[in-house]
Amino acid sequence: MIRKDDVRFHTPTPTPYDWAETNFFSVLVPEENIYAWAYTVARPGVGALMCDIQVIDVIDSNPLSARYVDIQQHLPIPDRLEDYELPNGLALATSNEPYDYHLRYEGVDDTSFDWHVSGLMEPYDITDPAMDPLASPDPEKTGFGTAYASHFDMSVSVTGNLRVRGRDFEVDCASVMDHSWGQRNERLMRPMAWINANFGKEFSVNTIWVRHIDKSGFDGYTFAHGYVQIEDKVHGLNSGRITAGRNKHHFPTGYEMHVEDKFGEKYAFTGYVTAQLPWSPYSNIVDANSAVRWHMPDGRVGVGVSQELVPLDGRTGWSK
């Protein structure tokens, strides 16, 4: 169960050098094919915070195609995770914890945003058996090792504005935020996928998958955790399967996804990637970070985010 205080730091004493506390927020502006995000990784054991803010609207393999990039690896860690202002122009304040967040950003080249993030459901704790049918105390079963030893996802409503290099966009969307804390060593991270679909503010699905890079089709993924949000209710998922089309870079071009909740209700989705660039949230990872347009058999159309992480240290070398 996620509590009010879980928006704060969870730093242990003594602090391992690889302890991490992360937050991810994103917005989607489908009319303009815009996908924007703000991602922070605090490393209290070494005294640094990484902040990654980007805006994309194309499918490409070249990071130079991004509309805006501001990545800073060594910002000072604020005293409070629930209320701070960073030197790069990002500020965050929580209210009605752990549901609501206010993010403000003043960047460079006439770029800024002001986002009000409001939880649409109870935060989904993948380690809580009362919420998640597949919850386990074993970090090996989180889908991302100890990096997800403590982790929640939450479908949210985001309203406000986004200004990108002098162009203004209204923000009014549903998306999924997440928050994690635990030891997150950058060596030999796990191939995984974090994929969601949002059909307005009344219905969404969020999923975590183990990736099997050397396999194809439905065998390329093992379902780890997930939920379906129906208005203010959340139903844990019992199972799922997913397959993806691939381009020449092995990045996904689209998906077929099936999930079943703890009540036996089944849901099916097909989606195609509308914006995508390689992303390195950690120096030794390449992530196919994508916006996806989703369709359901009943005609509903939604949007969401797909992130497929591949560790470079575990996938590079010479063949003999």
C-alpha atoms as a PDB file:
ATOM      1  CA  MET A   1       0.000   0.000   0.000  1.00  0.00           C
ATOM      2  CA  ILE A   2       1.304   3.433  -0.939  1.00  0.00           C
ATOM      3  CA  ARG A   3       1.023   6.020   1.809  1.00  0.00           C
ATOM      4  CA  LYS A   4       1.145   9.787   2.000  1.00  0.00           C
ATOM      5  CA  ASP A   5       4.794   9.789   3.062  1.00  0.00           C
ATOM      6  CA  ASP A   6       5.838   7.757   0.021  1.00  0.00           C
ATOM      7  CA  VAL A   7       6.154  10.935  -2.047  1.00  0.00           C
ATOM      8  CA  ARG A   8       9.169  11.729   0.165  1.00  0.00           C
ATOM      9  CA  PHE A   9      12.691  10.327   0.062  1.00  0.00           C
ATOM     10  CA  HIS A  10      13.195   6.763   1.359  1.00  0.00           C
ATOM     11  CA  THR A  11      16.961   7.025   1.815  1.00  0.00           C
ATOM     12  CA  PRO A  12      18.351   4.236   4.044  1.00  0.00           C
ATOM     13  CA  THR A  13      21.256   4.591   6.476  1.00  0.00           C
ATOM     14  CA  PRO A  14      23.902   3.724   5.518  1.00  0.00           C
ATOM     15  CA  THR A  15      23.121   4.643   1.916  1.00  0.00           C
ATOM     16  CA  PRO A  16      24.371   2.313  -0.840  1.00  0.00           C
ATOM     17  CA  TYR A  17      26.090   4.230  -3.632  1.00  0.00           C
ATOM     18  CA  ASP A  18      23.621   2.755  -6.157  1.00  0.00           C
ATOM     19  CA  TRP A  19      20.455   3.652  -4.223  1.00  0.00           C
ATOM     20  CA  ALA A  20      18.016   5.488  -6.515  1.00  0.00           C
ATOM     21  CA  GLU A  21      14.713   7.297  -6.204  1.00  0.00           C
ATOM     22  CA  THR A  22      12.925   8.019  -9.478  1.00  0.00           C
ATOM     23  CA  ASN A  23       9.881   9.878 -10.774  1.00  0.00           C
ATOM     24  CA  PHE A  24       8.470   9.869 -14.304  1.00  0.00           C
ATOM     25  CA  PHE A  25       5.792  12.246 -15.603  1.00  0.00           C
ATOM     26  CA  SER A  26       4.635  12.598 -19.203  1.00  0.00           C
ATOM     27  CA  VAL A  27       2.066  14.351 -21.367  1.00  0.00           C
ATOM     28  CA  LEU A  28       0.608  13.508 -24.763  1.00  0.00           C
ATOM     29  CA  VAL A  29      -0.861  16.064 -27.183  1.00  0.00           C
ATOM     30  CA  PRO A  30      -2.302  13.748 -29.880  1.00  0.00           C
ATOM     31  CA  GLU A  31      -3.419  16.535 -32.228  1.00  0.00           C
ATOM     32  CA  GLU A  32       0.214  17.603 -32.604  1.00  0.00           C
ATOM     33  CA  ASN A  33       1.701  14.113 -32.116  1.00  0.00           C
ATOM     34  CA  ILE A  34       3.644  15.469 -29.140  1.00  0.00           C
ATOM     35  CA  TYR A  35       5.081  13.294 -26.390  1.00  0.00           C
ATOM     36  CA  ALA A  36       6.880  15.166 -23.604  1.00  0.00           C
ATOM     37  CA  TRP A  37       8.324  13.924 -20.335  1.00  0.00           C
ATOM     38  CA  ALA A  38      10.189  14.850 -17.178  1.00  0.00           C
ATOM     39  CA  TYR A  39      12.256  12.119 -15.510  1.00  0.00           C
ATOM     40  CA  THR A  40      14.373  12.421 -12.377  1.00  0.00           C
ATOM     41  CA  VAL A  41      16.773   9.980 -10.732  1.00  0.00           C
ATOM     42  CA  ALA A  42      18.114  10.960  -7.303  1.00  0.00           C
ATOM     43  CA  ARG A  43      21.335   9.267  -6.153  1.00  0.00           C
ATOM     44  CA  PRO A  44      21.714  10.246  -2.471  1.00  0.00           C
ATOM     45  CA  GLY A  45      24.645   7.861  -2.025  1.00  0.00           C
ATOM     46  CA  VAL A  46      26.769   9.950  -4.405  1.00  0.00           C
ATOM     47  CA  GLY A  47      25.004  13.296  -3.960  1.00  0.00           C
ATOM     48  CA  ALA A  48      23.675  13.850  -7.476  1.00  0.00           C
ATOM     49  CA  LEU A  49      20.334  14.042  -9.250  1.00  0.00           C
ATOM     50  CA  MET A  50      19.734  13.431 -12.959  1.00  0.00           C
ATOM     51  CA  CYS A  51      16.909  15.321 -14.660  1.00  0.00           C
ATOM     52  CA  ASP A  52      15.813  14.491 -18.199  1.00  0.00           C
ATOM     53  CA  ILE A  53      13.258  16.694 -19.987  1.00  0.00           C
ATOM     54  CA  GLN A  54      12.442  16.028 -23.634  1.00  0.00           C
ATOM     55  CA  VAL A  55       9.808  16.653 -26.288  1.00  0.00           C
ATOM     56  CA  ILE A  56       9.455  14.463 -29.393  1.00  0.00           C
ATOM     57  CA  ASP A  57       6.966  14.288 -32.286  1.00  0.00           C
ATOM     58  CA  VAL A  58       8.608  12.100 -34.967  1.00  0.00           C
ATOM     59  CA  ILE A  59       9.716   8.510 -35.511  1.00  0.00           C
ATOM     60  CA  ASP A  60      13.461   8.419 -36.054  1.00  0.00           C
ATOM     61  CA  SER A  61      16.638   6.678 -34.951  1.00  0.00           C
ATOM     62  CA  ASN A  62      18.517   9.974 -34.621  1.00  0.00           C
ATOM     63  CA  PRO A  63      18.227  11.755 -31.246  1.00  0.00           C
ATOM     64  CA  LEU A  64      18.837  15.052 -33.051  1.00  0.00           C
ATOM     65  CA  SER A  65      15.254  14.780 -34.327  1.00  0.00           C
ATOM     66  CA  ALA A  66      13.891  15.601 -30.867  1.00  0.00           C
ATOM     67  CA  ARG A  67      12.051  18.916 -30.604  1.00  0.00           C
ATOM     68  CA  TYR A  68      13.688  19.692 -27.266  1.00  0.00           C
ATOM     69  CA  VAL A  69      16.283  18.040 -25.007  1.00  0.00           C
ATOM     70  CA  ASP A  70      17.530  19.147 -21.591  1.00  0.00           C
ATOM     71  CA  ILE A  71      19.435  16.379 -19.778  1.00  0.00           C
ATOM     72  CA  GLN A  72      21.572  17.189 -16.749  1.00  0.00           C
ATOM     73  CA  GLN A  73      23.321  14.380 -14.901  1.00  0.00           C
ATOM     74  CA  HIS A  74      24.765  16.069 -11.822  1.00  0.00           C
ATOM     75  CA  LEU A  75      22.272  18.428 -10.255  1.00  0.00           C
ATOM     76  CA  PRO A  76      22.320  18.807  -6.459  1.00  0.00           C
ATOM     77  CA  ILE A  77      19.765  16.676  -4.629  1.00  0.00           C
ATOM     78  CA  PRO A  78      17.053  18.767  -2.961  1.00  0.00           C
ATOM     79  CA  ASP A  79      16.359  18.344   0.725  1.00  0.00           C
ATOM     80  CA  ARG A  80      12.743  17.331   0.016  1.00  0.00           C
ATOM     81  CA  LEU A  81      11.461  15.215  -2.853  1.00  0.00           C
ATOM     82  CA  GLU A  82       7.924  16.455  -2.289  1.00  0.00           C
ATOM     83  CA  ASP A  83       8.758  20.157  -2.701  1.00  0.00           C
ATOM     84  CA  TYR A  84      11.786  21.419  -4.597  1.00  0.00           C
ATOM     85  CA  GLU A  85      13.244  23.726  -7.225  1.00  0.00           C
ATOM     86  CA  LEU A  86      16.237  22.582  -9.276  1.00  0.00           C
ATOM     87  CA  PRO A  87      18.909  24.764 -10.906  1.00  0.00           C
ATOM     88  CA  ASN A  88      17.772  23.585 -14.362  1.00  0.00           C
ATOM     89  CA  GLY A  89      14.376  25.271 -13.906  1.00  0.00           C
ATOM     90  CA  LEU A  90      12.243  22.298 -12.832  1.00  0.00           C
ATOM     91  CA  ALA A  91      10.088  22.710  -9.736  1.00  0.00           C
ATOM     92  CA  LEU A  92       7.730  20.183  -8.143  1.00  0.00           C
ATOM     93  CA  ALA A  93       5.275  20.402  -5.265  1.00  0.00           C
ATOM     94  CA  THR A  94       2.883  17.718  -4.041  1.00  0.00           C
ATOM     95  CA  SER A  95      -0.559  18.036  -2.460  1.00  0.00           C
ATOM     96  CA  ASN A  96      -3.244  15.575  -1.393  1.00  0.00           C
ATOM     97  CA  GLU A  97      -0.378  13.083  -1.202  1.00  0.00           C
ATOM     98  CA  PRO A  98       0.249  10.701  -2.868  1.00  0.00           C
ATOM     99  CA  TYR A  99      -2.185  11.754  -5.608  1.00  0.00           C
ATOM    100  CA  ASP A 100      -1.444  15.269  -6.841  1.00  0.00           C
ATOM    101  CA  TYR A 101       1.661  17.000  -8.214  1.00  0.00           C
ATOM    102  CA  HIS A 102       2.390  20.414  -9.665  1.00  0.00           C
ATOM    103  CA  LEU A 103       5.351  20.585 -12.049  1.00  0.00           C
ATOM    104  CA  ARG A 104       6.761  23.826 -13.424  1.00  0.00           C
ATOM    105  CA  TYR A 105       9.698  24.212 -15.768  1.00  0.00           C
ATOM    106  CA  GLU A 106      11.543  27.202 -17.197  1.00  0.00           C
ATOM    107  CA  GLY A 107      14.058  25.937 -19.709  1.00  0.00           C
ATOM    108  CA  VAL A 108      16.034  27.458 -22.566  1.00  0.00           C
ATOM    109  CA  ASP A 109      15.098  28.725 -26.026  1.00  0.00           C
ATOM    110  CA  ASP A 110      11.626  29.858 -24.929  1.00  0.00           C
ATOM    111  CA  THR A 111      10.600  26.425 -23.600  1.00  0.00           C
ATOM    112  CA  SER A 112       8.563  25.901 -20.437  1.00  0.00           C
ATOM    113  CA  PHE A 113       5.639  23.988 -18.975  1.00  0.00           C
ATOM    114  CA  ASP A 114       3.147  24.124 -16.149  1.00  0.00           C
ATOM    115  CA  TRP A 115       1.471  20.763 -15.437  1.00  0.00           C
ATOM    116  CA  HIS A 116      -1.129  19.914 -12.813  1.00  0.00           C
ATOM    117  CA  VAL A 117      -1.047  16.143 -12.300  1.00  0.00           C
ATOM    118  CA  SER A 118      -4.019  14.566 -10.495  1.00  0.00           C
ATOM    119  CA  GLY A 119      -4.321  10.894  -9.588  1.00  0.00           C
ATOM    120  CA  LEU A 120      -7.307   9.093 -11.106  1.00  0.00           C
ATOM    121  CA  MET A 121      -6.975   6.033  -8.868  1.00  0.00           C
ATOM    122  CA  GLU A 122      -5.190   4.644  -5.859  1.00  0.00           C
ATOM    123  CA  PRO A 123      -1.461   4.267  -6.621  1.00  0.00           C
ATOM    124  CA  TYR A 124      -0.800   0.729  -7.764  1.00  0.00           C
ATOM    125  CA  ASP A 125       1.794  -0.966  -5.553  1.00  0.00           C
ATOM    126  CA  ILE A 126       3.264  -3.947  -7.420  1.00  0.00           C
ATOM    127  CA  THR A 127       4.602  -5.337  -4.120  1.00  0.00           C
ATOM    128  CA  ASP A 128       1.218  -5.351  -2.333  1.00  0.00           C
ATOM    129  CA  PRO A 129      -0.666  -8.681  -2.654  1.00  0.00           C
ATOM    130  CA  ALA A 130      -3.903  -6.914  -1.712  1.00  0.00           C
ATOM    131  CA  MET A 131      -3.628  -4.976  -4.981  1.00  0.00           C
ATOM    132  CA  ASP A 132      -1.496  -7.078  -7.302  1.00  0.00           C
ATOM    133  CA  PRO A 133      -2.305 -10.778  -7.823  1.00  0.00           C
ATOM    134  CA  LEU A 134       1.335 -11.342  -8.848  1.00  0.00           C
ATOM    135  CA  ALA A 135       2.966  -9.429  -5.981  1.00  0.00           C
ATOM    136  CA  SER A 136       6.041 -11.093  -4.516  1.00  0.00           C
ATOM    137  CA  PRO A 137       8.687 -10.151  -1.927  1.00  0.00           C
ATOM    138  CA  ASP A 138      11.281 -11.510  -4.365  1.00  0.00           C
ATOM    139  CA  PRO A 139      12.854  -8.610  -6.350  1.00  0.00           C
ATOM    140  CA  GLU A 140      13.574 -11.065  -9.151  1.00  0.00           C
ATOM    141  CA  LYS A 141       9.841 -11.083  -9.879  1.00  0.00           C
ATOM    142  CA  THR A 142       9.315  -7.326 -10.140  1.00  0.00           C
ATOM    143  CA  GLY A 143      10.183  -7.216 -13.838  1.00  0.00           C
ATOM    144  CA  PHE A 144      13.181  -4.936 -13.228  1.00  0.00           C
ATOM    145  CA  GLY A 145      15.044  -6.527 -10.333  1.00  0.00           C
ATOM    146  CA  THR A 146      15.838  -4.446  -7.239  1.00  0.00           C
ATOM    147  CA  ALA A 147      15.253  -1.280  -9.271  1.00  0.00           C
ATOM    148  CA  TYR A 148      11.519  -1.970  -8.772  1.00  0.00           C
ATOM    149  CA  ALA A 149      11.836  -3.359  -5.228  1.00  0.00           C
ATOM    150  CA  SER A 150       9.542  -0.480  -4.251  1.00  0.00           C
ATOM    151  CA  HIS A 151       7.478   0.843  -7.123  1.00  0.00           C
ATOM    152  CA  PHE A 152       4.063   2.264  -7.909  1.00  0.00           C
ATOM    153  CA  ASP A 153       2.271   3.313 -11.080  1.00  0.00           C
ATOM    154  CA  MET A 154      -0.726   5.633 -11.198  1.00  0.00           C
ATOM    155  CA  SER A 155      -3.015   6.731 -13.996  1.00  0.00           C
ATOM    156  CA  VAL A 156      -3.319  10.493 -13.842  1.00  0.00           C
ATOM    157  CA  SER A 157      -5.012  13.475 -15.431  1.00  0.00           C
ATOM    158  CA  VAL A 158      -2.612  16.187 -16.594  1.00  0.00           C
ATOM    159  CA  THR A 159      -3.773  19.713 -17.411  1.00  0.00           C
ATOM    160  CA  GLY A 160      -1.880  22.907 -18.097  1.00  0.00           C
ATOM    161  CA  ASN A 161       0.360  24.124 -20.870  1.00  0.00           C
ATOM    162  CA  LEU A 162       3.531  23.282 -22.755  1.00  0.00           C
ATOM    163  CA  ARG A 163       5.630  25.841 -24.627  1.00  0.00           C
ATOM    164  CA  VAL A 164       8.276  24.439 -26.984  1.00  0.00           C
ATOM    165  CA  ARG A 165      10.691  26.869 -28.619  1.00  0.00           C
ATOM    166  CA  GLY A 166       8.061  29.600 -28.702  1.00  0.00           C
ATOM    167  CA  ARG A 167       5.067  27.435 -29.680  1.00  0.00           C
ATOM    168  CA  ASP A 168       2.261  26.957 -27.158  1.00  0.00           C
ATOM    169  CA  PHE A 169       0.233  23.784 -26.663  1.00  0.00           C
ATOM    170  CA  GLU A 170      -2.660  23.132 -24.328  1.00  0.00           C
ATOM    171  CA  VAL A 171      -2.250  20.040 -22.150  1.00  0.00           C
ATOM    172  CA  ASP A 172      -5.343  18.044 -21.186  1.00  0.00           C
ATOM    173  CA  CYS A 173      -4.680  14.330 -21.226  1.00  0.00           C
ATOM    174  CA  ALA A 174      -4.568  11.113 -19.271  1.00  0.00           C
ATOM    175  CA  SER A 175      -1.224   9.412 -18.768  1.00  0.00           C
ATOM    176  CA  VAL A 176       0.628   7.230 -16.256  1.00  0.00           C
ATOM    177  CA  MET A 177       3.252   8.385 -13.758  1.00  0.00           C
ATOM    178  CA  ASP A 178       5.505   6.154 -11.720  1.00  0.00           C
ATOM    179  CA  HIS A 179       7.749   6.324  -8.691  1.00  0.00           C
ATOM    180  CA  SER A 180      10.435   3.846  -7.622  1.00  0.00           C
ATOM    181  CA  TRP A 181      13.017   3.536  -4.886  1.00  0.00           C
ATOM    182  CA  GLY A 182      15.638   0.909  -4.188  1.00  0.00           C
ATOM    183  CA  GLN A 183      19.100  -0.177  -5.292  1.00  0.00           C
ATOM    184  CA  ARG A 184      19.434   0.466  -9.028  1.00  0.00           C
ATOM    185  CA  ASN A 185      22.874  -0.589 -10.155  1.00  0.00           C
ATOM    186  CA  GLU A 186      23.722   0.511 -13.685  1.00  0.00           C
ATOM    187  CA  ARG A 187      25.573  -2.707 -14.464  1.00  0.00           C
ATOM    188  CA  LEU A 188      23.618  -5.559 -16.053  1.00  0.00           C
ATOM    189  CA  MET A 189      20.173  -3.976 -15.825  1.00  0.00           C
ATOM    190  CA  ARG A 190      17.267  -6.117 -16.995  1.00  0.00           C
ATOM    191  CA  PRO A 191      15.687  -5.935 -20.452  1.00  0.00           C
ATOM    192  CA  MET A 192      12.116  -4.859 -19.744  1.00  0.00           C
ATOM    193  CA  ALA A 193       9.139  -2.954 -21.099  1.00  0.00           C
ATOM    194  CA  TRP A 194       6.756  -0.483 -19.474  1.00  0.00           C
ATOM    195  CA  ILE A 195       3.663   0.012 -21.646  1.00  0.00           C
ATOM    196  CA  ASN A 196       0.374   1.815 -21.070  1.00  0.00           C
ATOM    197  CA  ALA A 197      -2.772   2.834 -22.942  1.00  0.00           C
ATOM    198  CA  ASN A 198      -5.164   5.593 -21.860  1.00  0.00           C
ATOM    199  CA  PHE A 199      -8.693   5.930 -23.196  1.00  0.00           C
ATOM    200  CA  GLY A 200      -9.655   9.246 -21.699  1.00  0.00           C
ATOM    201  CA  LYS A 201      -9.736   9.648 -17.940  1.00  0.00           C
ATOM    202  CA  GLU A 202     -12.225   6.822 -17.383  1.00  0.00           C
ATOM    203  CA  PHE A 203     -10.233   3.824 -18.598  1.00  0.00           C
ATOM    204  CA  SER A 204      -6.556   2.874 -18.833  1.00  0.00           C
ATOM    205  CA  VAL A 205      -4.230  -0.103 -18.658  1.00  0.00           C
ATOM    206  CA  ASN A 206      -0.608  -0.137 -17.489  1.00  0.00           C
ATOM    207  CA  THR A 207       1.762  -3.096 -17.835  1.00  0.00           C
ATOM    208  CA  ILE A 208       5.295  -4.195 -16.951  1.00  0.00           C
ATOM    209  CA  TRP A 209       7.004  -6.937 -18.984  1.00  0.00           C
ATOM    210  CA  VAL A 210      10.238  -8.892 -18.898  1.00  0.00           C
ATOM    211  CA  ARG A 211      11.821  -8.710 -22.361  1.00  0.00           C
ATOM    212  CA  HIS A 212      13.440 -11.716 -24.014  1.00  0.00           C
ATOM    213  CA  ILE A 213      15.569 -10.059 -26.668  1.00  0.00           C
ATOM    214  CA  ASP A 214      16.532 -13.293 -28.447  1.00  0.00           C
ATOM    215  CA  LYS A 215      12.927 -14.410 -28.900  1.00  0.00           C
ATOM    216  CA  SER A 216      10.196 -13.153 -31.201  1.00  0.00           C
ATOM    217  CA  GLY A 217       6.418 -12.864 -31.239  1.00  0.00           C
ATOM    218  CA  PHE A 218       4.538 -13.454 -28.000  1.00  0.00           C
ATOM    219  CA  ASP A 219       7.595 -15.355 -26.701  1.00  0.00           C
ATOM    220  CA  GLY A 220       9.514 -12.086 -26.643  1.00  0.00           C
ATOM    221  CA  TYR A 221       7.783 -10.943 -23.449  1.00  0.00           C
ATOM    222  CA  THR A 222       6.756 -12.356 -20.078  1.00  0.00           C
ATOM    223  CA  PHE A 223       4.041 -10.510 -18.181  1.00  0.00           C
ATOM    224  CA  ALA A 224       5.219  -9.230 -14.780  1.00  0.00           C
ATOM    225  CA  HIS A 225       2.632  -6.797 -13.369  1.00  0.00           C
ATOM    226  CA  GLY A 226      -0.167  -4.477 -14.379  1.00  0.00           C
ATOM    227  CA  TYR A 227      -3.620  -3.079 -13.784  1.00  0.00           C
ATOM    228  CA  VAL A 228      -6.766  -1.856 -15.456  1.00  0.00           C
ATOM    229  CA  GLN A 229      -8.166   1.480 -14.237  1.00  0.00           C
ATOM    230  CA  ILE A 230     -11.931   1.899 -14.622  1.00  0.00           C
ATOM    231  CA  GLU A 231     -12.927   5.370 -13.391  1.00  0.00           C
ATOM    232  CA  ASP A 232     -11.657   5.487  -9.777  1.00  0.00           C
ATOM    233  CA  LYS A 233     -11.352   1.693  -9.426  1.00  0.00           C
ATOM    234  CA  VAL A 234      -8.239  -0.325 -10.130  1.00  0.00           C
ATOM    235  CA  HIS A 235      -8.175  -4.048 -10.948  1.00  0.00           C
ATOM    236  CA  GLY A 236      -4.903  -5.962 -10.808  1.00  0.00           C
ATOM    237  CA  LEU A 237      -4.017  -8.102 -13.808  1.00  0.00           C
ATOM    238  CA  ASN A 238      -3.548 -11.849 -13.550  1.00  0.00           C
ATOM    239  CA  SER A 239      -1.882 -12.366 -16.897  1.00  0.00           C
ATOM    240  CA  GLY A 240      -1.009 -10.871 -20.239  1.00  0.00           C
ATOM    241  CA  ARG A 241       0.662 -11.483 -23.552  1.00  0.00           C
ATOM    242  CA  ILE A 242       2.003  -9.057 -26.105  1.00  0.00           C
ATOM    243  CA  THR A 243       3.805  -9.088 -29.433  1.00  0.00           C
ATOM    244  CA  ALA A 244       5.401  -6.310 -31.435  1.00  0.00           C
ATOM    245  CA  GLY A 245       6.323  -5.509 -35.011  1.00  0.00           C
ATOM    246  CA  ARG A 246       9.960  -4.440 -35.376  1.00  0.00           C
ATOM    247  CA  ASN A 247      11.897  -2.086 -37.633  1.00  0.00           C
ATOM    248  CA  LYS A 248      15.490  -2.570 -38.810  1.00  0.00           C
ATOM    249  CA  HIS A 249      16.774  -1.212 -35.488  1.00  0.00           C
ATOM    250  CA  HIS A 250      14.682  -3.778 -33.606  1.00  0.00           C
ATOM    251  CA  PHE A 251      12.518  -0.980 -32.205  1.00  0.00           C
ATOM    252  CA  PRO A 252       8.761  -1.631 -31.976  1.00  0.00           C
ATOM    253  CA  THR A 253       6.484  -0.324 -34.728  1.00  0.00           C
ATOM    254  CA  GLY A 254       3.232  -1.525 -33.148  1.00  0.00           C
ATOM    255  CA  TYR A 255       1.676  -3.984 -30.711  1.00  0.00           C
ATOM    256  CA  GLU A 256      -0.990  -6.589 -30.165  1.00  0.00           C
ATOM    257  CA  MET A 257      -1.700  -6.853 -26.430  1.00  0.00           C
ATOM    258  CA  HIS A 258      -4.059  -9.047 -24.404  1.00  0.00           C
ATOM    259  CA  VAL A 259      -4.550  -8.872 -20.627  1.00  0.00           C
ATOM    260  CA  GLU A 260      -6.862 -10.478 -18.078  1.00  0.00           C
ATOM    261  CA  ASP A 261      -7.742  -8.926 -14.722  1.00  0.00           C
ATOM    262  CA  LYS A 262      -8.196 -10.664 -11.382  1.00  0.00           C
ATOM    263  CA  PHE A 263     -11.949 -10.991 -12.009  1.00  0.00           C
ATOM    264  CA  GLY A 264     -11.407 -12.859 -15.278  1.00  0.00           C
ATOM    265  CA  GLU A 265     -12.301  -9.901 -17.508  1.00  0.00           C
ATOM    266  CA  LYS A 266     -10.274  -9.922 -20.728  1.00  0.00           C
ATOM    267  CA  TYR A 267      -9.142  -6.894 -22.729  1.00  0.00           C
ATOM    268  CA  ALA A 268      -7.517  -6.684 -26.162  1.00  0.00           C
ATOM    269  CA  PHE A 269      -5.605  -3.802 -27.727  1.00  0.00           C
ATOM    270  CA  THR A 270      -3.767  -3.074 -30.952  1.00  0.00           C
ATOM    271  CA  GLY A 271      -1.502  -0.079 -31.311  1.00  0.00           C
ATOM    272  CA  TYR A 272       0.923   1.619 -33.651  1.00  0.00           C
ATOM    273  CA  VAL A 273       3.853   3.857 -32.809  1.00  0.00           C
ATOM    274  CA  THR A 274       3.350   7.525 -33.709  1.00  0.00           C
ATOM    275  CA  ALA A 275       6.505   9.077 -32.204  1.00  0.00           C
ATOM    276  CA  GLN A 276       9.726   7.367 -31.202  1.00  0.00           C
ATOM    277  CA  LEU A 277      13.367   8.134 -30.511  1.00  0.00           C
ATOM    278  CA  PRO A 278      16.135   6.224 -28.761  1.00  0.00           C
ATOM    279  CA  TRP A 279      16.470   7.321 -25.160  1.00  0.00           C
ATOM    280  CA  SER A 280      19.211   6.614 -22.621  1.00  0.00           C
ATOM    281  CA  PRO A 281      17.816   7.224 -19.137  1.00  0.00           C
ATOM    282  CA  TYR A 282      21.055   5.564 -17.987  1.00  0.00           C
ATOM    283  CA  SER A 283      24.292   5.728 -19.924  1.00  0.00           C
ATOM    284  CA  ASN A 284      24.451   1.974 -20.524  1.00  0.00           C
ATOM    285  CA  ILE A 285      20.846   1.560 -21.679  1.00  0.00           C
ATOM    286  CA  VAL A 286      19.115   2.236 -24.969  1.00  0.00           C
ATOM    287  CA  ASP A 287      15.351   2.623 -24.697  1.00  0.00           C
ATOM    288  CA  ALA A 288      12.872   2.692 -27.566  1.00  0.00           C
ATOM    289  CA  ASN A 289      10.789   5.497 -26.053  1.00  0.00           C
ATOM    290  CA  SER A 290       7.535   5.731 -27.973  1.00  0.00           C
ATOM    291  CA  ALA A 291       4.110   7.316 -28.111  1.00  0.00           C
ATOM    292  CA  VAL A 292       1.481   4.796 -29.206  1.00  0.00           C
ATOM    293  CA  ARG A 293      -2.016   5.201 -30.671  1.00  0.00           C
ATOM    294  CA  TRP A 294      -4.172   2.353 -29.302  1.00  0.00           C
ATOM    295  CA  HIS A 295      -7.400   0.763 -30.575  1.00  0.00           C
ATOM    296  CA  MET A 296      -9.884  -1.571 -28.875  1.00  0.00           C
ATOM    297  CA  PRO A 297     -12.335  -3.943 -30.603  1.00  0.00           C
ATOM    298  CA  ASP A 298     -15.302  -1.806 -29.473  1.00  0.00           C
ATOM    299  CA  GLY A 299     -13.958   1.197 -31.389  1.00  0.00           C
ATOM    300  CA  ARG A 300     -12.345   3.088 -28.533  1.00  0.00           C
ATOM    301  CA  VAL A 301      -9.140   4.936 -29.437  1.00  0.00           C
ATOM    302  CA  GLY A 302      -6.505   5.911 -26.904  1.00  0.00           C
ATOM    303  CA  VAL A 303      -2.911   7.005 -26.542  1.00  0.00           C
ATOM    304  CA  GLY A 304      -0.081   5.843 -24.353  1.00  0.00           C
ATOM    305  CA  VAL A 305       3.616   5.339 -23.817  1.00  0.00           C
ATOM    306  CA  SER A 306       5.872   2.389 -24.548  1.00  0.00           C
ATOM    307  CA  GLN A 307       9.377   2.111 -23.142  1.00  0.00           C
ATOM    308  CA  GLU A 308      11.514  -0.906 -24.055  1.00  0.00           C
ATOM    309  CA  LEU A 309      14.851  -0.911 -22.237  1.00  0.00           C
ATOM    310  CA  VAL A 310      17.874  -2.880 -23.445  1.00  0.00           C
ATOM    311  CA  PRO A 311      21.116  -2.842 -21.375  1.00  0.00           C
ATOM    312  CA  LEU A 312      24.123  -2.247 -23.612  1.00  0.00           C
ATOM    313  CA  ASP A 313      26.657  -4.009 -21.373  1.00  0.00           C
ATOM    314  CA  GLY A 314      24.666  -7.228 -21.539  1.00  0.00           C
ATOM    315  CA  ARG A 315      24.105  -7.074 -25.310  1.00  0.00           C
ATOM    316  CA  THR A 316      27.451  -5.985 -26.753  1.00  0.00           C
ATOM    317  CA  GLY A 317      30.651  -7.871 -27.540  1.00  0.00           C
ATOM    318  CA  TRP A 318      32.262  -9.992 -30.229  1.00  0.00           C
ATOM    319  CA  SER A 319      30.784 -13.192 -31.583  1.00  0.00           C
ATOM    320  CA  LYS A 320      33.235 -16.098 -31.799  1.00  0.00           C
END
